[in-house]
Amino acid sequence: MLAALCNDVRIYAHAAQKGAIYLCPGCKAELVLRKGAIKIHHFAHKPPVECQFGAGESREHLEAKLAIYQAFVGRSLRAEMEWPLEA
């Protein structure tokens, strides 16, 4: 997942810093920031995962979400990623 909560504020993985506590926007469980040199920056649940937000996403899926977000922001449009909706 590309978005998390930090002190009740949404933050995206590409802007997040290691060392802070990040929570899942869906289930509020603690997340791990994965920010390396090979894979796209993202957050992951600690196992065991029971949250639907914790379902694995392919690299291509994460990259597509980020590309769409960046395209909107690059055109000065307001954009949000992974916004949980109430059922």
N, C-alpha and C. Protein backbone atom coordinates (compact mmCIF):
# COMPACT_ATOMS: atom_id res chain seq x y z
N MET A 1 0.84 -1.17 0.00
CA MET A 1 0.00 0.00 0.00
C MET A 1 0.88 1.23 0.00
N LEU A 2 0.39 2.28 -0.58
CA LEU A 2 1.19 3.48 -0.76
C LEU A 2 0.89 4.58 0.25
N ALA A 3 -0.23 4.46 0.97
CA ALA A 3 -0.63 5.49 1.94
C ALA A 3 -0.77 4.88 3.32
N ALA A 4 -0.47 5.70 4.34
CA ALA A 4 -0.61 5.29 5.73
C ALA A 4 -0.99 6.51 6.56
N LEU A 5 -1.26 6.27 7.82
CA LEU A 5 -1.53 7.36 8.76
C LEU A 5 -0.34 7.51 9.70
N CYS A 6 0.04 8.75 9.95
CA CYS A 6 1.09 9.06 10.93
C CYS A 6 0.57 10.23 11.75
N ASN A 7 0.31 9.99 13.03
CA ASN A 7 -0.29 11.03 13.88
C ASN A 7 -1.60 11.54 13.29
N ASP A 8 -2.43 10.62 12.79
CA ASP A 8 -3.74 10.91 12.19
C ASP A 8 -3.67 11.75 10.92
N VAL A 9 -2.51 11.80 10.28
CA VAL A 9 -2.35 12.52 9.01
C VAL A 9 -1.94 11.51 7.95
N ARG A 10 -2.60 11.56 6.78
CA ARG A 10 -2.25 10.66 5.68
C ARG A 10 -0.88 11.04 5.13
N ILE A 11 -0.06 10.03 4.86
CA ILE A 11 1.26 10.25 4.28
C ILE A 11 1.51 9.16 3.25
N TYR A 12 2.18 9.52 2.19
CA TYR A 12 2.51 8.56 1.15
C TYR A 12 3.92 8.03 1.36
N ALA A 13 4.13 6.79 0.98
CA ALA A 13 5.41 6.11 1.24
C ALA A 13 6.59 6.87 0.64
N HIS A 14 6.43 7.46 -0.54
CA HIS A 14 7.57 8.15 -1.14
C HIS A 14 7.99 9.38 -0.34
N ALA A 15 7.10 9.91 0.52
CA ALA A 15 7.42 11.08 1.34
C ALA A 15 7.69 10.71 2.80
N ALA A 16 7.49 9.46 3.17
CA ALA A 16 7.64 9.02 4.55
C ALA A 16 9.11 8.83 4.92
N GLN A 17 9.39 8.97 6.20
CA GLN A 17 10.74 8.78 6.72
C GLN A 17 10.76 7.59 7.66
N LYS A 18 11.83 6.82 7.62
CA LYS A 18 11.96 5.68 8.53
C LYS A 18 12.04 6.18 9.96
N GLY A 19 11.52 5.36 10.87
CA GLY A 19 11.59 5.69 12.29
C GLY A 19 10.27 6.13 12.89
N ALA A 20 9.35 6.63 12.08
CA ALA A 20 8.04 7.05 12.58
C ALA A 20 7.12 5.83 12.69
N ILE A 21 6.01 6.01 13.38
CA ILE A 21 5.01 4.94 13.50
C ILE A 21 3.92 5.23 12.49
N TYR A 22 3.66 4.24 11.62
CA TYR A 22 2.65 4.37 10.58
C TYR A 22 1.55 3.35 10.82
N LEU A 23 0.31 3.76 10.60
CA LEU A 23 -0.85 2.89 10.81
C LEU A 23 -1.62 2.72 9.52
N CYS A 24 -2.26 1.56 9.38
CA CYS A 24 -3.10 1.26 8.23
C CYS A 24 -4.34 2.15 8.26
N PRO A 25 -4.69 2.79 7.14
CA PRO A 25 -5.91 3.59 7.09
C PRO A 25 -7.18 2.76 7.27
N GLY A 26 -7.09 1.45 6.98
CA GLY A 26 -8.26 0.58 7.10
C GLY A 26 -8.45 0.02 8.49
N CYS A 27 -7.47 -0.77 8.94
CA CYS A 27 -7.63 -1.49 10.22
C CYS A 27 -6.89 -0.85 11.38
N LYS A 28 -6.10 0.16 11.13
CA LYS A 28 -5.32 0.90 12.14
C LYS A 28 -4.19 0.09 12.76
N ALA A 29 -3.82 -1.04 12.15
CA ALA A 29 -2.67 -1.83 12.64
C ALA A 29 -1.38 -1.14 12.22
N GLU A 30 -0.31 -1.41 12.97
CA GLU A 30 0.98 -0.80 12.66
C GLU A 30 1.54 -1.37 11.35
N LEU A 31 2.14 -0.50 10.57
CA LEU A 31 2.72 -0.88 9.28
C LEU A 31 4.24 -0.73 9.31
N VAL A 32 4.87 -1.39 8.36
CA VAL A 32 6.31 -1.28 8.17
C VAL A 32 6.54 -0.48 6.88
N LEU A 33 7.41 0.53 6.95
CA LEU A 33 7.78 1.29 5.76
C LEU A 33 8.87 0.53 5.04
N ARG A 34 8.63 0.21 3.79
CA ARG A 34 9.63 -0.46 2.96
C ARG A 34 10.09 0.55 1.91
N LYS A 35 11.26 1.05 2.13
CA LYS A 35 11.79 2.13 1.29
C LYS A 35 13.23 1.81 0.94
N GLY A 36 13.39 1.05 -0.12
CA GLY A 36 14.73 0.64 -0.53
C GLY A 36 15.08 1.16 -1.91
N ALA A 37 16.12 0.61 -2.48
CA ALA A 37 16.61 1.07 -3.77
C ALA A 37 16.04 0.29 -4.95
N ILE A 38 15.44 -0.89 -4.70
CA ILE A 38 14.99 -1.75 -5.79
C ILE A 38 13.48 -1.66 -6.01
N LYS A 39 12.70 -1.90 -4.97
CA LYS A 39 11.24 -1.91 -5.10
C LYS A 39 10.67 -0.52 -4.87
N ILE A 40 9.44 -0.33 -5.36
CA ILE A 40 8.73 0.93 -5.14
C ILE A 40 8.51 1.10 -3.63
N HIS A 41 8.63 2.32 -3.15
CA HIS A 41 8.42 2.59 -1.74
C HIS A 41 6.97 2.29 -1.38
N HIS A 42 6.76 1.55 -0.27
CA HIS A 42 5.42 1.16 0.11
C HIS A 42 5.37 0.80 1.59
N PHE A 43 4.16 0.64 2.10
CA PHE A 43 3.94 0.18 3.47
C PHE A 43 3.43 -1.25 3.42
N ALA A 44 3.73 -2.01 4.46
CA ALA A 44 3.26 -3.40 4.53
C ALA A 44 2.81 -3.70 5.96
N HIS A 45 1.79 -4.56 6.07
CA HIS A 45 1.35 -5.04 7.37
C HIS A 45 2.37 -6.02 7.93
N LYS A 46 2.45 -6.06 9.24
CA LYS A 46 3.24 -7.10 9.90
C LYS A 46 2.37 -8.36 9.92
N PRO A 47 2.95 -9.54 9.69
CA PRO A 47 2.14 -10.76 9.70
C PRO A 47 1.65 -11.08 11.11
N PRO A 48 0.53 -11.74 11.27
CA PRO A 48 -0.39 -12.21 10.22
C PRO A 48 -1.26 -11.06 9.73
N VAL A 49 -1.63 -11.12 8.46
CA VAL A 49 -2.41 -10.06 7.83
C VAL A 49 -3.85 -10.52 7.67
N GLU A 50 -4.77 -9.74 8.24
CA GLU A 50 -6.19 -10.04 8.11
C GLU A 50 -6.94 -8.90 7.44
N CYS A 51 -6.27 -7.79 7.21
CA CYS A 51 -6.89 -6.59 6.64
C CYS A 51 -6.91 -6.68 5.12
N GLN A 52 -7.99 -6.22 4.49
CA GLN A 52 -8.06 -6.22 3.03
C GLN A 52 -7.03 -5.27 2.43
N PHE A 53 -6.65 -4.23 3.17
CA PHE A 53 -5.61 -3.33 2.69
C PHE A 53 -4.25 -4.04 2.67
N GLY A 54 -4.14 -5.14 3.39
CA GLY A 54 -2.89 -5.87 3.47
C GLY A 54 -2.70 -6.88 2.37
N ALA A 55 -3.69 -7.03 1.52
CA ALA A 55 -3.56 -7.99 0.41
C ALA A 55 -2.42 -7.55 -0.49
N GLY A 56 -1.57 -8.47 -0.87
CA GLY A 56 -0.41 -8.13 -1.67
C GLY A 56 -0.77 -7.53 -3.02
N GLU A 57 -0.03 -6.52 -3.44
CA GLU A 57 -0.22 -5.90 -4.74
C GLU A 57 1.06 -6.09 -5.53
N SER A 58 0.92 -6.31 -6.80
CA SER A 58 2.11 -6.50 -7.64
C SER A 58 2.86 -5.17 -7.78
N ARG A 59 4.11 -5.27 -8.16
CA ARG A 59 4.93 -4.08 -8.41
C ARG A 59 4.28 -3.22 -9.48
N GLU A 60 3.74 -3.86 -10.51
CA GLU A 60 3.10 -3.12 -11.60
C GLU A 60 1.88 -2.35 -11.11
N HIS A 61 1.11 -2.96 -10.22
CA HIS A 61 -0.08 -2.30 -9.68
C HIS A 61 0.31 -1.07 -8.85
N LEU A 62 1.30 -1.23 -7.98
CA LEU A 62 1.76 -0.10 -7.16
C LEU A 62 2.32 1.02 -8.05
N GLU A 63 3.09 0.65 -9.05
CA GLU A 63 3.67 1.65 -9.95
C GLU A 63 2.59 2.38 -10.74
N ALA A 64 1.55 1.68 -11.15
CA ALA A 64 0.45 2.31 -11.90
C ALA A 64 -0.29 3.32 -11.02
N LYS A 65 -0.57 2.93 -9.76
CA LYS A 65 -1.25 3.87 -8.85
C LYS A 65 -0.41 5.13 -8.65
N LEU A 66 0.88 4.95 -8.46
CA LEU A 66 1.76 6.09 -8.24
C LEU A 66 1.85 6.95 -9.50
N ALA A 67 1.92 6.35 -10.68
CA ALA A 67 2.00 7.10 -11.93
C ALA A 67 0.74 7.93 -12.16
N ILE A 68 -0.42 7.37 -11.88
CA ILE A 68 -1.68 8.11 -12.04
C ILE A 68 -1.71 9.29 -11.07
N TYR A 69 -1.33 9.05 -9.81
CA TYR A 69 -1.28 10.12 -8.81
C TYR A 69 -0.35 11.24 -9.27
N GLN A 70 0.86 10.87 -9.70
CA GLN A 70 1.83 11.88 -10.13
C GLN A 70 1.37 12.64 -11.37
N ALA A 71 0.65 11.98 -12.26
CA ALA A 71 0.12 12.66 -13.45
C ALA A 71 -0.89 13.73 -13.06
N PHE A 72 -1.77 13.43 -12.13
CA PHE A 72 -2.75 14.42 -11.67
C PHE A 72 -2.06 15.58 -10.95
N VAL A 73 -1.18 15.26 -10.01
CA VAL A 73 -0.48 16.29 -9.26
C VAL A 73 0.38 17.14 -10.18
N GLY A 74 0.99 16.52 -11.18
CA GLY A 74 1.81 17.26 -12.14
C GLY A 74 1.01 18.25 -12.97
N ARG A 75 -0.29 18.07 -13.02
CA ARG A 75 -1.17 18.99 -13.74
C ARG A 75 -1.90 19.92 -12.78
N SER A 76 -1.38 20.02 -11.56
CA SER A 76 -1.93 20.88 -10.51
C SER A 76 -3.36 20.50 -10.12
N LEU A 77 -3.68 19.21 -10.24
CA LEU A 77 -4.99 18.71 -9.83
C LEU A 77 -4.86 18.05 -8.46
N ARG A 78 -5.91 18.12 -7.67
CA ARG A 78 -5.89 17.48 -6.36
C ARG A 78 -6.07 15.98 -6.56
N ALA A 79 -5.24 15.21 -5.90
CA ALA A 79 -5.30 13.76 -6.04
C ALA A 79 -5.04 13.10 -4.70
N GLU A 80 -5.70 11.99 -4.45
CA GLU A 80 -5.50 11.19 -3.24
C GLU A 80 -5.38 9.74 -3.69
N MET A 81 -4.55 8.98 -3.01
CA MET A 81 -4.42 7.55 -3.28
C MET A 81 -4.99 6.76 -2.12
N GLU A 82 -5.57 5.61 -2.44
CA GLU A 82 -5.97 4.61 -1.45
C GLU A 82 -6.83 5.20 -0.33
N TRP A 83 -7.87 5.89 -0.70
CA TRP A 83 -8.76 6.48 0.29
C TRP A 83 -9.80 5.46 0.69
N PRO A 84 -9.85 5.06 1.97
CA PRO A 84 -10.85 4.05 2.39
C PRO A 84 -12.27 4.64 2.33
N LEU A 85 -13.18 3.85 1.83
CA LEU A 85 -14.58 4.27 1.71
C LEU A 85 -15.43 3.47 2.68
N GLU A 86 -16.37 4.13 3.32
CA GLU A 86 -17.28 3.45 4.22
C GLU A 86 -18.29 2.65 3.39
N ALA A 87 -18.53 1.43 3.77
CA ALA A 87 -19.48 0.58 3.04
C ALA A 87 -20.90 0.88 3.46
